[in-house]
Amino acid sequence: MTAPTTPPGPVPRPVALDLGGRTALVTGAAGGIGRACTLRLAAAGAKVRAMDRDTAGLDTLSADAAGLPGSVEPFPLDLTDLDAAERAAAGTDIVVNNAGLQLVRSIEEFPPEVFHTVLTVMLEAPFRLIRGALPHMYGQGWGRIVNLSSVHGLRASAYKSAYVAAKHGLEGLSKTAALEGAPHGVTSNCVCPGYVRTPLVEKQIADQAAAHGITEDRVLTEVLLKDSALKRLIEPDEVAEAVAYLCTPQAGFVTGTSLVLDGGWTAH
C-alpha cells in the first residue's frame, strides 16, 4: 500500500530533557508512536524497556538506539499475557501505555473475539502494567504514567466500536490513577493525537476505503482529515515530544488530564 499523500509535518527539535537514572517501559515499542517514544526517552537518558511482540522490530530499535545517552532493552512480550505484563512493569519509574490494534467493521459484523482482544491489549493490559509499576513508584514518591489515548478517547467514530470503547476506558483508568497517585508523587495523563502517520493508520485507510467504497486518497481527505483544521497527519516524533514532556519533573503538576494533539479536530 502507498503511504498517505499528505506531506510530512515538521520534525520537532527536541527540547533538552533529563531523565537520567529513570527506568521507563514503553509498550508497542517496535514501530510507530512507540518506537518514537522509546528513542526520545532514551535520548533523554532513560533506560527503556521496549516491549513488543515484534522481536525483529525490537532488534532494529535497539540497534538504532546505540549511542544515545540512555539505553533500550528489548523486551519481547505479547500483552495478552496479562500476568507477565504486570511482572514486567515492576521497578519502573515511567510507564507509557502505547500498544494498540484496530479493526474497522460495523458492530453487527465485528467479530466478538477481536473485540475481546482489543479490550485486553488496550485497556486491561494498561491496568495490569500500572498495577505492577505502582508499588515501586509509591515507594520512591515519584512516577509518571502516560497513556496513549486518541481523539477517539474523547469522541466516537462509526465502525470502530472496540477501539473507541478501549480508548474511552483508558481515559477513565488514567484519571483514576491520577487521583490515587497524587498523594504519592505519581502523575497519570493521556495524550490524544489525531491521525498519526503510522502503519496502523495506513491499514485503517485501506479498511475505510473498502467500507465506504472510495479511494484511499479520498479516505484521507474526506474521512480522516475532514474535521481537522490542520490538513495533515501528525508525525510520531511530534507525539513523542508530548509524551516526553509529561515524564519530566517539570510536568509534576500536570495530572488527570488529556493532552490533545488533534490539529483542531475537537475545536468544532
C-alpha atoms as a PDB file:
ATOM      1  CA  MET A   1       0.000   0.000   0.000  1.00  0.00           C
ATOM      2  CA  THR A   2       1.236   3.509  -0.767  1.00  0.00           C
ATOM      3  CA  ALA A   3       1.810   5.933   2.065  1.00  0.00           C
ATOM      4  CA  PRO A   4      -0.726   8.716   2.679  1.00  0.00           C
ATOM      5  CA  THR A   5      -0.233  11.560   0.221  1.00  0.00           C
ATOM      6  CA  THR A   6      -0.273  14.482   2.663  1.00  0.00           C
ATOM      7  CA  PRO A   7       3.215  15.957   3.072  1.00  0.00           C
ATOM      8  CA  PRO A   8       5.008  15.107   6.300  1.00  0.00           C
ATOM      9  CA  GLY A   9       4.862  17.580   9.135  1.00  0.00           C
ATOM     10  CA  PRO A  10       7.886  19.407  10.505  1.00  0.00           C
ATOM     11  CA  VAL A  11      10.308  17.366  12.555  1.00  0.00           C
ATOM     12  CA  PRO A  12      10.275  18.903  16.036  1.00  0.00           C
ATOM     13  CA  ARG A  13      13.557  19.999  17.526  1.00  0.00           C
ATOM     14  CA  PRO A  14      13.931  18.032  20.764  1.00  0.00           C
ATOM     15  CA  VAL A  15      13.779  20.101  23.934  1.00  0.00           C
ATOM     16  CA  ALA A  16      16.547  19.418  26.441  1.00  0.00           C
ATOM     17  CA  LEU A  17      15.122  16.925  28.951  1.00  0.00           C
ATOM     18  CA  ASP A  18      16.973  14.962  31.601  1.00  0.00           C
ATOM     19  CA  LEU A  19      15.604  11.544  32.541  1.00  0.00           C
ATOM     20  CA  GLY A  20      18.942  10.112  33.574  1.00  0.00           C
ATOM     21  CA  GLY A  21      18.622   7.401  36.219  1.00  0.00           C
ATOM     22  CA  ARG A  22      14.980   6.695  35.339  1.00  0.00           C
ATOM     23  CA  THR A  23      13.674   3.368  34.068  1.00  0.00           C
ATOM     24  CA  ALA A  24      10.837   3.570  31.572  1.00  0.00           C
ATOM     25  CA  LEU A  25       8.620   0.938  29.989  1.00  0.00           C
ATOM     26  CA  VAL A  26       7.046   1.533  26.577  1.00  0.00           C
ATOM     27  CA  THR A  27       4.559  -0.895  25.031  1.00  0.00           C
ATOM     28  CA  GLY A  28       4.127  -1.296  21.299  1.00  0.00           C
ATOM     29  CA  ALA A  29       7.721  -0.097  21.073  1.00  0.00           C
ATOM     30  CA  ALA A  30       8.814  -1.703  17.815  1.00  0.00           C
ATOM     31  CA  GLY A  31       7.100   0.760  15.481  1.00  0.00           C
ATOM     32  CA  GLY A  32       5.127   3.951  15.047  1.00  0.00           C
ATOM     33  CA  ILE A  33       4.486   6.084  18.122  1.00  0.00           C
ATOM     34  CA  GLY A  34       6.011   3.512  20.489  1.00  0.00           C
ATOM     35  CA  ARG A  35       9.288   3.487  18.590  1.00  0.00           C
ATOM     36  CA  ALA A  36       9.437   7.287  18.575  1.00  0.00           C
ATOM     37  CA  CYS A  37       8.696   7.424  22.326  1.00  0.00           C
ATOM     38  CA  THR A  38      11.335   4.808  23.101  1.00  0.00           C
ATOM     39  CA  LEU A  39      14.042   6.649  21.202  1.00  0.00           C
ATOM     40  CA  ARG A  40      13.004  10.011  22.690  1.00  0.00           C
ATOM     41  CA  LEU A  41      13.113   8.753  26.274  1.00  0.00           C
ATOM     42  CA  ALA A  42      16.453   7.050  25.661  1.00  0.00           C
ATOM     43  CA  ALA A  43      17.753  10.300  24.136  1.00  0.00           C
ATOM     44  CA  ALA A  44      16.780  11.993  27.422  1.00  0.00           C
ATOM     45  CA  GLY A  45      18.886   9.477  29.343  1.00  0.00           C
ATOM     46  CA  ALA A  46      16.290   6.922  30.444  1.00  0.00           C
ATOM     47  CA  LYS A  47      16.802   3.184  30.452  1.00  0.00           C
ATOM     48  CA  VAL A  48      13.841   1.953  28.408  1.00  0.00           C
ATOM     49  CA  ARG A  49      12.246  -1.483  28.492  1.00  0.00           C
ATOM     50  CA  ALA A  50      10.969  -1.698  24.948  1.00  0.00           C
ATOM     51  CA  MET A  51       8.020  -4.096  24.975  1.00  0.00           C
ATOM     52  CA  ASP A  52       6.511  -5.591  21.826  1.00  0.00           C
ATOM     53  CA  ARG A  53       5.736  -8.990  20.336  1.00  0.00           C
ATOM     54  CA  ASP A  54       7.675  -7.989  17.175  1.00  0.00           C
ATOM     55  CA  THR A  55      11.122  -9.320  18.046  1.00  0.00           C
ATOM     56  CA  ALA A  56      12.706  -8.309  14.732  1.00  0.00           C
ATOM     57  CA  GLY A  57      11.401  -4.768  15.173  1.00  0.00           C
ATOM     58  CA  LEU A  58      12.812  -4.657  18.693  1.00  0.00           C
ATOM     59  CA  ASP A  59      16.231  -5.740  17.447  1.00  0.00           C
ATOM     60  CA  THR A  60      16.209  -2.945  14.872  1.00  0.00           C
ATOM     61  CA  LEU A  61      15.086  -0.455  17.510  1.00  0.00           C
ATOM     62  CA  SER A  62      17.854  -1.496  19.875  1.00  0.00           C
ATOM     63  CA  ALA A  63      20.456  -1.070  17.148  1.00  0.00           C
ATOM     64  CA  ASP A  64      19.106   2.358  16.230  1.00  0.00           C
ATOM     65  CA  ALA A  65      19.312   3.433  19.881  1.00  0.00           C
ATOM     66  CA  ALA A  66      23.038   2.722  20.094  1.00  0.00           C
ATOM     67  CA  GLY A  67      24.952   5.804  21.145  1.00  0.00           C
ATOM     68  CA  LEU A  68      22.029   7.542  22.860  1.00  0.00           C
ATOM     69  CA  PRO A  69      22.563   8.820  26.421  1.00  0.00           C
ATOM     70  CA  GLY A  70      20.142   6.222  27.777  1.00  0.00           C
ATOM     71  CA  SER A  71      19.610   2.647  26.680  1.00  0.00           C
ATOM     72  CA  VAL A  72      16.979   0.376  25.132  1.00  0.00           C
ATOM     73  CA  GLU A  73      16.364  -3.114  26.465  1.00  0.00           C
ATOM     74  CA  PRO A  74      14.321  -5.251  24.053  1.00  0.00           C
ATOM     75  CA  PHE A  75      11.501  -6.948  25.964  1.00  0.00           C
ATOM     76  CA  PRO A  76       9.547  -9.355  23.742  1.00  0.00           C
ATOM     77  CA  LEU A  77       6.063  -9.878  25.169  1.00  0.00           C
ATOM     78  CA  ASP A  78       2.514 -10.420  23.958  1.00  0.00           C
ATOM     79  CA  LEU A  79       0.312  -8.173  26.095  1.00  0.00           C
ATOM     80  CA  THR A  80      -2.470 -10.740  26.153  1.00  0.00           C
ATOM     81  CA  ASP A  81      -0.245 -12.459  28.749  1.00  0.00           C
ATOM     82  CA  LEU A  82      -1.513 -10.149  31.467  1.00  0.00           C
ATOM     83  CA  ASP A  83       0.349 -11.744  34.373  1.00  0.00           C
ATOM     84  CA  ALA A  84       3.664 -11.405  32.529  1.00  0.00           C
ATOM     85  CA  ALA A  85       2.868  -7.803  31.673  1.00  0.00           C
ATOM     86  CA  GLU A  86       2.254  -6.922  35.305  1.00  0.00           C
ATOM     87  CA  ARG A  87       5.505  -8.569  36.382  1.00  0.00           C
ATOM     88  CA  ALA A  88       7.428  -6.751  33.638  1.00  0.00           C
ATOM     89  CA  ALA A  89       6.366  -3.352  34.986  1.00  0.00           C
ATOM     90  CA  ALA A  90       7.890  -3.905  38.421  1.00  0.00           C
ATOM     91  CA  GLY A  91      10.597  -1.398  39.278  1.00  0.00           C
ATOM     92  CA  THR A  92       9.776   1.110  36.555  1.00  0.00           C
ATOM     93  CA  ASP A  93       9.622   4.864  37.134  1.00  0.00           C
ATOM     94  CA  ILE A  94       7.759   5.645  33.900  1.00  0.00           C
ATOM     95  CA  VAL A  95       5.096   3.627  32.094  1.00  0.00           C
ATOM     96  CA  VAL A  96       3.988   4.557  28.583  1.00  0.00           C
ATOM     97  CA  ASN A  97       0.935   2.548  27.561  1.00  0.00           C
ATOM     98  CA  ASN A  98       1.006   2.760  23.791  1.00  0.00           C
ATOM     99  CA  ALA A  99       0.284  -0.642  22.229  1.00  0.00           C
ATOM    100  CA  GLY A 100      -2.853  -0.795  20.152  1.00  0.00           C
ATOM    101  CA  LEU A 101      -4.676  -2.503  17.343  1.00  0.00           C
ATOM    102  CA  GLN A 102      -7.560  -1.583  15.131  1.00  0.00           C
ATOM    103  CA  LEU A 103     -10.285  -3.256  13.097  1.00  0.00           C
ATOM    104  CA  VAL A 104     -12.820  -1.214  11.147  1.00  0.00           C
ATOM    105  CA  ARG A 105     -16.168  -3.014  10.982  1.00  0.00           C
ATOM    106  CA  SER A 106     -19.780  -2.259  11.740  1.00  0.00           C
ATOM    107  CA  ILE A 107     -20.959  -3.517  15.124  1.00  0.00           C
ATOM    108  CA  GLU A 108     -23.096  -6.267  13.623  1.00  0.00           C
ATOM    109  CA  GLU A 109     -20.083  -7.538  11.633  1.00  0.00           C
ATOM    110  CA  PHE A 110     -17.463  -7.051  14.375  1.00  0.00           C
ATOM    111  CA  PRO A 111     -16.013 -10.426  15.499  1.00  0.00           C
ATOM    112  CA  PRO A 112     -16.572 -10.770  19.277  1.00  0.00           C
ATOM    113  CA  GLU A 113     -13.189 -12.453  19.730  1.00  0.00           C
ATOM    114  CA  VAL A 114     -11.452  -9.438  18.160  1.00  0.00           C
ATOM    115  CA  PHE A 115     -13.423  -7.047  20.381  1.00  0.00           C
ATOM    116  CA  HIS A 116     -12.194  -9.051  23.383  1.00  0.00           C
ATOM    117  CA  THR A 117      -8.572  -8.920  22.189  1.00  0.00           C
ATOM    118  CA  VAL A 118      -8.685  -5.168  21.576  1.00  0.00           C
ATOM    119  CA  LEU A 119     -10.028  -4.521  25.065  1.00  0.00           C
ATOM    120  CA  THR A 120      -7.438  -6.887  26.564  1.00  0.00           C
ATOM    121  CA  VAL A 121      -4.456  -5.237  24.878  1.00  0.00           C
ATOM    122  CA  MET A 122      -5.618  -1.630  25.057  1.00  0.00           C
ATOM    123  CA  LEU A 123      -7.379  -1.435  28.426  1.00  0.00           C
ATOM    124  CA  GLU A 124      -6.806  -4.451  30.630  1.00  0.00           C
ATOM    125  CA  ALA A 125      -3.067  -4.638  29.891  1.00  0.00           C
ATOM    126  CA  PRO A 126      -2.537  -0.953  30.789  1.00  0.00           C
ATOM    127  CA  PHE A 127      -4.362  -1.602  34.075  1.00  0.00           C
ATOM    128  CA  ARG A 128      -2.053  -4.512  34.814  1.00  0.00           C
ATOM    129  CA  LEU A 129       1.070  -2.572  33.840  1.00  0.00           C
ATOM    130  CA  ILE A 130       0.086   0.356  36.043  1.00  0.00           C
ATOM    131  CA  ARG A 131      -0.722  -2.055  38.853  1.00  0.00           C
ATOM    132  CA  GLY A 132       2.704  -3.657  38.517  1.00  0.00           C
ATOM    133  CA  ALA A 133       4.551  -0.347  38.481  1.00  0.00           C
ATOM    134  CA  LEU A 134       2.794   1.491  41.318  1.00  0.00           C
ATOM    135  CA  PRO A 135       4.446  -0.231  44.324  1.00  0.00           C
ATOM    136  CA  HIS A 136       7.877   0.996  43.197  1.00  0.00           C
ATOM    137  CA  MET A 137       6.574   4.431  42.229  1.00  0.00           C
ATOM    138  CA  TYR A 138       4.754   4.854  45.532  1.00  0.00           C
ATOM    139  CA  GLY A 139       7.791   3.620  47.446  1.00  0.00           C
ATOM    140  CA  GLN A 140      10.051   6.302  45.993  1.00  0.00           C
ATOM    141  CA  GLY A 141       7.421   9.046  45.910  1.00  0.00           C
ATOM    142  CA  TRP A 142       7.722   9.652  42.158  1.00  0.00           C
ATOM    143  CA  GLY A 143       6.286   8.181  38.993  1.00  0.00           C
ATOM    144  CA  ARG A 144       4.946   9.034  35.571  1.00  0.00           C
ATOM    145  CA  ILE A 145       2.149   7.204  33.752  1.00  0.00           C
ATOM    146  CA  VAL A 146       1.430   8.295  30.193  1.00  0.00           C
ATOM    147  CA  ASN A 147      -1.390   6.608  28.316  1.00  0.00           C
ATOM    148  CA  LEU A 148      -1.537   6.956  24.557  1.00  0.00           C
ATOM    149  CA  SER A 149      -5.197   7.587  24.060  1.00  0.00           C
ATOM    150  CA  SER A 150      -6.601   9.211  20.934  1.00  0.00           C
ATOM    151  CA  VAL A 151      -9.062  11.792  19.784  1.00  0.00           C
ATOM    152  CA  HIS A 152     -11.269   8.681  19.789  1.00  0.00           C
ATOM    153  CA  GLY A 153     -10.893   8.622  23.550  1.00  0.00           C
ATOM    154  CA  LEU A 154     -12.873  11.869  23.527  1.00  0.00           C
ATOM    155  CA  ARG A 155     -15.379  11.238  20.757  1.00  0.00           C
ATOM    156  CA  ALA A 156     -16.566   8.331  18.642  1.00  0.00           C
ATOM    157  CA  SER A 157     -16.480   7.343  15.000  1.00  0.00           C
ATOM    158  CA  ALA A 158     -18.594   4.756  13.267  1.00  0.00           C
ATOM    159  CA  TYR A 159     -17.148   1.289  12.578  1.00  0.00           C
ATOM    160  CA  LYS A 160     -14.600   1.484  15.429  1.00  0.00           C
ATOM    161  CA  SER A 161     -16.566   0.130  18.396  1.00  0.00           C
ATOM    162  CA  ALA A 162     -13.738  -1.789  20.055  1.00  0.00           C
ATOM    163  CA  TYR A 163     -11.091   0.911  19.585  1.00  0.00           C
ATOM    164  CA  VAL A 164     -13.382   3.705  20.774  1.00  0.00           C
ATOM    165  CA  ALA A 165     -14.545   1.660  23.766  1.00  0.00           C
ATOM    166  CA  ALA A 166     -10.952   0.853  24.749  1.00  0.00           C
ATOM    167  CA  LYS A 167      -9.767   4.450  24.440  1.00  0.00           C
ATOM    168  CA  HIS A 168     -12.714   5.824  26.412  1.00  0.00           C
ATOM    169  CA  GLY A 169     -11.952   3.259  29.110  1.00  0.00           C
ATOM    170  CA  LEU A 170      -8.269   4.200  29.095  1.00  0.00           C
ATOM    171  CA  GLU A 171      -9.207   7.834  29.717  1.00  0.00           C
ATOM    172  CA  GLY A 172     -11.147   6.808  32.818  1.00  0.00           C
ATOM    173  CA  LEU A 173      -8.401   4.496  34.046  1.00  0.00           C
ATOM    174  CA  SER A 174      -5.847   7.284  33.636  1.00  0.00           C
ATOM    175  CA  LYS A 175      -7.919   9.758  35.656  1.00  0.00           C
ATOM    176  CA  THR A 176      -8.435   7.217  38.433  1.00  0.00           C
ATOM    177  CA  ALA A 177      -4.702   6.516  38.562  1.00  0.00           C
ATOM    178  CA  ALA A 178      -4.095  10.266  38.782  1.00  0.00           C
ATOM    179  CA  LEU A 179      -6.388  10.644  41.780  1.00  0.00           C
ATOM    180  CA  GLU A 180      -4.916   7.663  43.609  1.00  0.00           C
ATOM    181  CA  GLY A 181      -1.326   8.533  42.703  1.00  0.00           C
ATOM    182  CA  ALA A 182      -1.396  12.209  43.626  1.00  0.00           C
ATOM    183  CA  PRO A 183      -0.537  11.735  47.328  1.00  0.00           C
ATOM    184  CA  HIS A 184       2.436   9.589  46.263  1.00  0.00           C
ATOM    185  CA  GLY A 185       4.034  11.900  43.711  1.00  0.00           C
ATOM    186  CA  VAL A 186       2.732   9.885  40.757  1.00  0.00           C
ATOM    187  CA  THR A 187       1.071  11.605  37.808  1.00  0.00           C
ATOM    188  CA  SER A 188      -1.119   9.988  35.162  1.00  0.00           C
ATOM    189  CA  ASN A 189      -2.136  11.606  31.908  1.00  0.00           C
ATOM    190  CA  CYS A 190      -3.383  10.764  28.445  1.00  0.00           C
ATOM    191  CA  VAL A 191      -2.021  12.001  25.137  1.00  0.00           C
ATOM    192  CA  CYS A 192      -4.735  12.212  22.485  1.00  0.00           C
ATOM    193  CA  PRO A 193      -3.395  12.547  18.952  1.00  0.00           C
ATOM    194  CA  GLY A 194      -5.461  12.696  15.824  1.00  0.00           C
ATOM    195  CA  TYR A 195      -4.394  10.504  12.945  1.00  0.00           C
ATOM    196  CA  VAL A 196      -0.673   9.739  13.147  1.00  0.00           C
ATOM    197  CA  ARG A 197       1.495   8.667  10.233  1.00  0.00           C
ATOM    198  CA  THR A 198       1.889   5.023  11.313  1.00  0.00           C
ATOM    199  CA  PRO A 199       1.324   1.574   9.770  1.00  0.00           C
ATOM    200  CA  LEU A 200      -1.828   1.263  11.916  1.00  0.00           C
ATOM    201  CA  VAL A 201      -3.326   4.343  10.267  1.00  0.00           C
ATOM    202  CA  GLU A 202      -2.217   3.236   6.804  1.00  0.00           C
ATOM    203  CA  LYS A 203      -4.083  -0.031   7.303  1.00  0.00           C
ATOM    204  CA  GLN A 204      -7.069   1.887   8.601  1.00  0.00           C
ATOM    205  CA  ILE A 205      -7.126   3.959   5.412  1.00  0.00           C
ATOM    206  CA  ALA A 206      -7.348   0.759   3.387  1.00  0.00           C
ATOM    207  CA  ASP A 207     -10.122  -0.609   5.615  1.00  0.00           C
ATOM    208  CA  GLN A 208     -12.088   2.631   5.426  1.00  0.00           C
ATOM    209  CA  ALA A 209     -11.725   2.680   1.635  1.00  0.00           C
ATOM    210  CA  ALA A 210     -13.268  -0.770   1.485  1.00  0.00           C
ATOM    211  CA  ALA A 211     -16.027   0.146   3.962  1.00  0.00           C
ATOM    212  CA  HIS A 212     -17.004   3.341   2.126  1.00  0.00           C
ATOM    213  CA  GLY A 213     -16.292   2.184  -1.420  1.00  0.00           C
ATOM    214  CA  ILE A 214     -13.943   5.090  -2.195  1.00  0.00           C
ATOM    215  CA  THR A 215     -10.239   5.526  -2.958  1.00  0.00           C
ATOM    216  CA  GLU A 216      -7.624   5.715  -0.220  1.00  0.00           C
ATOM    217  CA  ASP A 217      -6.774   9.336  -1.094  1.00  0.00           C
ATOM    218  CA  ARG A 218     -10.425  10.256  -0.658  1.00  0.00           C
ATOM    219  CA  VAL A 219     -10.486   8.476   2.706  1.00  0.00           C
ATOM    220  CA  LEU A 220      -7.608  10.667   3.847  1.00  0.00           C
ATOM    221  CA  THR A 221      -9.124  13.970   2.735  1.00  0.00           C
ATOM    222  CA  GLU A 222     -12.854  13.269   3.129  1.00  0.00           C
ATOM    223  CA  VAL A 223     -12.914  10.992   6.176  1.00  0.00           C
ATOM    224  CA  LEU A 224      -9.788  11.076   8.339  1.00  0.00           C
ATOM    225  CA  LEU A 225      -8.879  14.762   7.955  1.00  0.00           C
ATOM    226  CA  LYS A 226     -12.361  16.101   7.264  1.00  0.00           C
ATOM    227  CA  ASP A 227     -12.784  17.715  10.706  1.00  0.00           C
ATOM    228  CA  SER A 228      -9.135  18.634  11.288  1.00  0.00           C
ATOM    229  CA  ALA A 229      -8.187  22.287  10.947  1.00  0.00           C
ATOM    230  CA  LEU A 230      -4.637  21.214  10.093  1.00  0.00           C
ATOM    231  CA  LYS A 231      -4.910  19.117   6.939  1.00  0.00           C
ATOM    232  CA  ARG A 232      -2.081  16.693   7.581  1.00  0.00           C
ATOM    233  CA  LEU A 233      -1.228  13.648   9.622  1.00  0.00           C
ATOM    234  CA  ILE A 234       0.705  14.198  12.834  1.00  0.00           C
ATOM    235  CA  GLU A 235       4.188  12.680  12.929  1.00  0.00           C
ATOM    236  CA  PRO A 236       5.228  10.098  15.564  1.00  0.00           C
ATOM    237  CA  ASP A 237       8.090  12.342  16.720  1.00  0.00           C
ATOM    238  CA  GLU A 238       5.622  15.126  17.499  1.00  0.00           C
ATOM    239  CA  VAL A 239       3.652  12.777  19.739  1.00  0.00           C
ATOM    240  CA  ALA A 240       6.848  11.540  21.387  1.00  0.00           C
ATOM    241  CA  GLU A 241       7.785  15.103  22.387  1.00  0.00           C
ATOM    242  CA  ALA A 242       4.480  15.493  24.231  1.00  0.00           C
ATOM    243  CA  VAL A 243       4.961  12.143  25.954  1.00  0.00           C
ATOM    244  CA  ALA A 244       8.500  13.013  26.993  1.00  0.00           C
ATOM    245  CA  TYR A 245       7.402  16.326  28.499  1.00  0.00           C
ATOM    246  CA  LEU A 246       4.799  14.589  30.669  1.00  0.00           C
ATOM    247  CA  CYS A 247       7.567  12.326  32.007  1.00  0.00           C
ATOM    248  CA  THR A 248       9.677  15.181  33.321  1.00  0.00           C
ATOM    249  CA  PRO A 249       9.864  16.692  36.797  1.00  0.00           C
ATOM    250  CA  GLN A 250       8.712  19.976  35.234  1.00  0.00           C
ATOM    251  CA  ALA A 251       5.325  18.380  34.488  1.00  0.00           C
ATOM    252  CA  GLY A 252       4.743  17.435  38.104  1.00  0.00           C
ATOM    253  CA  PHE A 253       1.541  19.495  38.386  1.00  0.00           C
ATOM    254  CA  VAL A 254       0.036  18.075  35.204  1.00  0.00           C
ATOM    255  CA  THR A 255      -2.114  15.095  36.118  1.00  0.00           C
ATOM    256  CA  GLY A 256      -5.519  13.625  35.434  1.00  0.00           C
ATOM    257  CA  THR A 257      -5.794  15.380  32.108  1.00  0.00           C
ATOM    258  CA  SER A 258      -5.671  14.680  28.388  1.00  0.00           C
ATOM    259  CA  LEU A 259      -3.178  16.488  26.162  1.00  0.00           C
ATOM    260  CA  VAL A 260      -4.965  16.779  22.832  1.00  0.00           C
ATOM    261  CA  LEU A 261      -2.887  16.813  19.632  1.00  0.00           C
ATOM    262  CA  ASP A 262      -5.697  16.693  17.102  1.00  0.00           C
ATOM    263  CA  GLY A 263      -4.968  19.580  14.748  1.00  0.00           C
ATOM    264  CA  GLY A 264      -8.101  21.370  15.868  1.00  0.00           C
ATOM    265  CA  TRP A 265     -10.470  18.442  15.326  1.00  0.00           C
ATOM    266  CA  THR A 266     -12.304  18.845  18.660  1.00  0.00           C
ATOM    267  CA  ALA A 267     -12.433  22.636  18.299  1.00  0.00           C
ATOM    268  CA  HIS A 268     -15.546  22.264  16.115  1.00  0.00           C
END
